Amino acid sequence: MKVFLIMVVLLLVARPVPEQKDATAEQITQALGPLPEPLRAEATVVLEAIPGKRVVLRKGSNNLLCRADTPAPGFKVYCYQKDMDTFWTRFEQLTLEGKSNAEIRDTLGAEALAGKLQILMGAAVYTLSGDSPESALPQMSVFLPNATSESTGLSNERSHYHPWLMWAGTPFAHVMILGH
């Protein structure tokens, strides 16, 4: 009888708490938000609330990885091709270290030249970010390594109304398309 009671208690303790399930479902829904609808069903969703401590919230079957919002101030979720995970993990690490945009660009560029990072031509990144989920704005980036304003016909100046080229001439040059 004692063994039976212990097993019942263990089963009750091991059962997921409904609030936890609801919170995880909300994290997954939010993380998938930046993706076009046809890509959402099969994307993997992860949470890396503590750097280096990744939790898979949902295992997917396509080549897309979405990062859920962390407890950090503000709201940010983004999705990208799994082959770009090393780049995005390093980008987040440098951001957490408090590096400026220029320092991040230069560090990533040096690491790419040293063969530590690789960028896929045409790789897309889908983002939603803002003060809260309700105020988050969409953004999309498409990587064109070493592209310049001259080679693309795109401006290097940030614009909310037109695509523009960020980090031109670097291994991480990418077209930015900001939402309104």
Protein backbone atom coordinates (compact mmCIF):
# COMPACT_ATOMS: atom_id res chain seq x y z
CA MET A 1 0.00 0.00 0.00
CA LYS A 2 2.85 2.36 0.87
CA VAL A 3 4.45 1.77 -2.55
CA PHE A 4 1.09 2.49 -4.24
CA LEU A 5 0.71 5.82 -2.38
CA ILE A 6 4.24 6.86 -3.28
CA MET A 7 3.56 6.06 -6.95
CA VAL A 8 0.32 8.10 -6.90
CA VAL A 9 2.13 11.07 -5.33
CA LEU A 10 4.93 10.83 -7.90
CA LEU A 11 2.42 10.72 -10.76
CA LEU A 12 0.63 13.78 -9.42
CA VAL A 13 3.87 15.70 -8.98
CA ALA A 14 5.15 14.74 -12.44
CA ARG A 15 1.99 15.92 -14.22
CA PRO A 16 2.36 19.25 -16.00
CA VAL A 17 0.66 22.17 -14.31
CA PRO A 18 -2.10 23.61 -16.57
CA GLU A 19 -0.74 27.15 -16.15
CA GLN A 20 2.69 25.97 -17.26
CA LYS A 21 1.18 24.32 -20.36
CA ASP A 22 -0.72 27.53 -21.16
CA ALA A 23 2.41 29.68 -20.71
CA THR A 24 4.45 27.37 -22.95
CA ALA A 25 1.70 27.35 -25.60
CA GLU A 26 1.67 31.16 -25.51
CA GLN A 27 5.48 31.29 -25.85
CA ILE A 28 5.30 28.99 -28.86
CA THR A 29 2.49 31.00 -30.48
CA GLN A 30 4.39 34.26 -29.95
CA ALA A 31 7.69 32.80 -31.23
CA LEU A 32 6.01 31.62 -34.44
CA GLY A 33 4.38 35.02 -34.98
CA PRO A 34 7.02 36.50 -37.32
CA LEU A 35 6.85 33.58 -39.76
CA PRO A 36 4.52 33.49 -42.75
CA GLU A 37 1.61 31.19 -41.91
CA PRO A 38 2.68 28.31 -44.23
CA LEU A 39 6.04 27.99 -42.40
CA ARG A 40 4.74 27.94 -38.80
CA ALA A 41 3.42 24.40 -38.44
CA GLU A 42 6.79 22.65 -38.76
CA ALA A 43 9.21 25.15 -37.16
CA THR A 44 11.19 24.29 -34.02
CA VAL A 45 10.75 26.68 -31.09
CA VAL A 46 13.42 27.18 -28.42
CA LEU A 47 13.82 29.32 -25.33
CA GLU A 48 17.25 30.43 -24.17
CA ALA A 49 16.31 32.46 -21.08
CA ILE A 50 19.77 31.79 -19.64
CA PRO A 51 22.63 32.04 -22.16
CA GLY A 52 23.85 28.59 -23.10
CA LYS A 53 20.83 26.89 -21.47
CA ARG A 54 18.49 26.15 -24.35
CA VAL A 55 15.11 24.50 -23.84
CA VAL A 56 13.25 23.07 -26.83
CA LEU A 57 9.62 24.14 -26.42
CA ARG A 58 8.52 22.38 -29.61
CA LYS A 59 10.46 20.13 -31.97
CA GLY A 60 9.75 20.87 -35.61
CA SER A 61 10.49 19.07 -38.85
CA ASN A 62 11.47 21.87 -41.23
CA ASN A 63 14.70 23.88 -41.42
CA LEU A 64 13.43 26.81 -39.33
CA LEU A 65 14.28 27.65 -35.72
CA CYS A 66 12.31 30.24 -33.74
CA ARG A 67 13.57 31.81 -30.53
CA ALA A 68 10.92 32.57 -27.91
CA ASP A 69 10.90 35.81 -25.95
CA THR A 70 13.17 35.85 -22.89
CA PRO A 71 12.53 37.57 -19.55
CA ALA A 72 14.76 40.50 -20.67
CA PRO A 73 13.00 43.88 -20.93
CA GLY A 74 10.96 44.38 -24.08
CA PHE A 75 9.69 41.77 -26.48
CA LYS A 76 11.65 40.04 -29.24
CA VAL A 77 11.03 36.81 -31.11
CA TYR A 78 12.74 35.75 -34.30
CA CYS A 79 13.00 32.84 -36.70
CA TYR A 80 15.77 31.77 -39.07
CA GLN A 81 17.25 28.79 -40.89
CA LYS A 82 18.84 26.29 -38.49
CA ASP A 83 22.16 26.58 -40.34
CA MET A 84 22.35 30.18 -39.05
CA ASP A 85 22.07 29.17 -35.38
CA THR A 86 25.78 29.55 -34.60
CA PHE A 87 25.66 33.11 -35.94
CA TRP A 88 22.55 34.07 -33.96
CA THR A 89 23.83 32.46 -30.77
CA ARG A 90 27.06 34.45 -31.08
CA PHE A 91 25.12 37.63 -31.93
CA GLU A 92 23.02 37.23 -28.77
CA GLN A 93 26.13 36.59 -26.69
CA LEU A 94 27.78 39.81 -27.91
CA THR A 95 24.55 41.74 -27.32
CA LEU A 96 24.36 40.47 -23.73
CA GLU A 97 27.96 41.56 -23.23
CA GLY A 98 26.80 45.10 -24.00
CA LYS A 99 28.69 45.45 -27.28
CA SER A 100 27.67 48.28 -29.61
CA ASN A 101 26.25 47.57 -33.05
CA ALA A 102 29.63 48.44 -34.61
CA GLU A 103 31.51 46.19 -32.16
CA ILE A 104 29.13 43.32 -32.89
CA ARG A 105 29.56 43.82 -36.65
CA ASP A 106 33.37 43.96 -36.37
CA THR A 107 33.61 40.95 -34.05
CA LEU A 108 31.32 38.83 -36.21
CA GLY A 109 33.20 39.92 -39.33
CA ALA A 110 36.54 38.92 -37.83
CA GLU A 111 35.13 35.56 -36.73
CA ALA A 112 33.72 34.97 -40.23
CA LEU A 113 37.10 35.73 -41.81
CA ALA A 114 38.69 33.29 -39.34
CA GLY A 115 36.23 30.60 -40.49
CA LYS A 116 34.31 30.43 -37.20
CA LEU A 117 31.02 31.70 -38.63
CA GLN A 118 29.30 31.16 -41.95
CA ILE A 119 26.40 33.02 -43.51
CA LEU A 120 24.13 31.50 -46.12
CA MET A 121 23.45 33.56 -49.21
CA GLY A 122 19.77 34.51 -49.17
CA ALA A 123 19.14 33.32 -45.61
CA ALA A 124 16.05 35.03 -44.19
CA VAL A 125 15.35 36.18 -40.65
CA TYR A 126 11.82 37.02 -39.51
CA THR A 127 11.50 39.19 -36.38
CA LEU A 128 8.85 40.77 -34.18
CA SER A 129 10.15 43.22 -31.58
CA GLY A 130 8.96 46.08 -29.43
CA ASP A 131 8.07 47.05 -25.89
CA SER A 132 5.41 44.32 -25.69
CA PRO A 133 3.85 41.62 -27.88
CA GLU A 134 0.99 44.00 -28.66
CA SER A 135 3.29 46.80 -29.83
CA ALA A 136 5.84 44.60 -31.62
CA LEU A 137 6.63 45.48 -35.23
CA PRO A 138 7.69 43.04 -37.95
CA GLN A 139 11.09 43.11 -39.56
CA MET A 140 12.67 40.87 -42.14
CA SER A 141 16.29 40.51 -43.17
CA VAL A 142 17.79 38.66 -46.12
CA PHE A 143 21.53 38.01 -46.02
CA LEU A 144 23.62 38.89 -49.06
CA PRO A 145 27.23 38.39 -47.91
CA ASN A 146 29.57 41.19 -49.00
CA ALA A 147 26.82 43.06 -50.87
CA THR A 148 27.21 46.81 -51.28
CA SER A 149 24.95 49.67 -52.20
CA GLU A 150 26.53 49.64 -55.66
CA SER A 151 25.98 45.91 -56.19
CA THR A 152 22.35 45.94 -55.01
CA GLY A 153 21.02 49.43 -55.78
CA LEU A 154 19.89 49.70 -52.15
CA SER A 155 20.57 52.60 -49.82
CA ASN A 156 22.78 52.07 -46.78
CA GLU A 157 20.57 54.42 -44.74
CA ARG A 158 17.92 53.02 -42.39
CA SER A 159 14.38 53.46 -43.70
CA HIS A 160 10.93 52.45 -42.47
CA TYR A 161 9.54 52.88 -45.96
CA HIS A 162 12.07 51.14 -48.23
CA PRO A 163 14.37 48.12 -48.03
CA TRP A 164 17.91 49.13 -47.11
CA LEU A 165 21.31 47.44 -46.82
CA MET A 166 22.81 47.01 -43.36
CA TRP A 167 26.49 46.17 -42.72
CA ALA A 168 27.27 46.68 -46.41
CA GLY A 169 30.50 45.15 -47.68
CA THR A 170 30.79 42.71 -44.75
CA PRO A 171 30.23 38.94 -44.64
CA PHE A 172 26.96 39.80 -42.83
CA ALA A 173 25.54 42.36 -45.25
CA HIS A 174 21.78 42.02 -45.28
CA VAL A 175 18.71 43.68 -46.72
CA MET A 176 16.46 45.09 -43.99
CA ILE A 177 12.72 45.38 -44.50
CA LEU A 178 11.04 47.10 -41.56
CA GLY A 179 7.32 46.95 -40.81
CA HIS A 180 5.20 49.99 -40.09
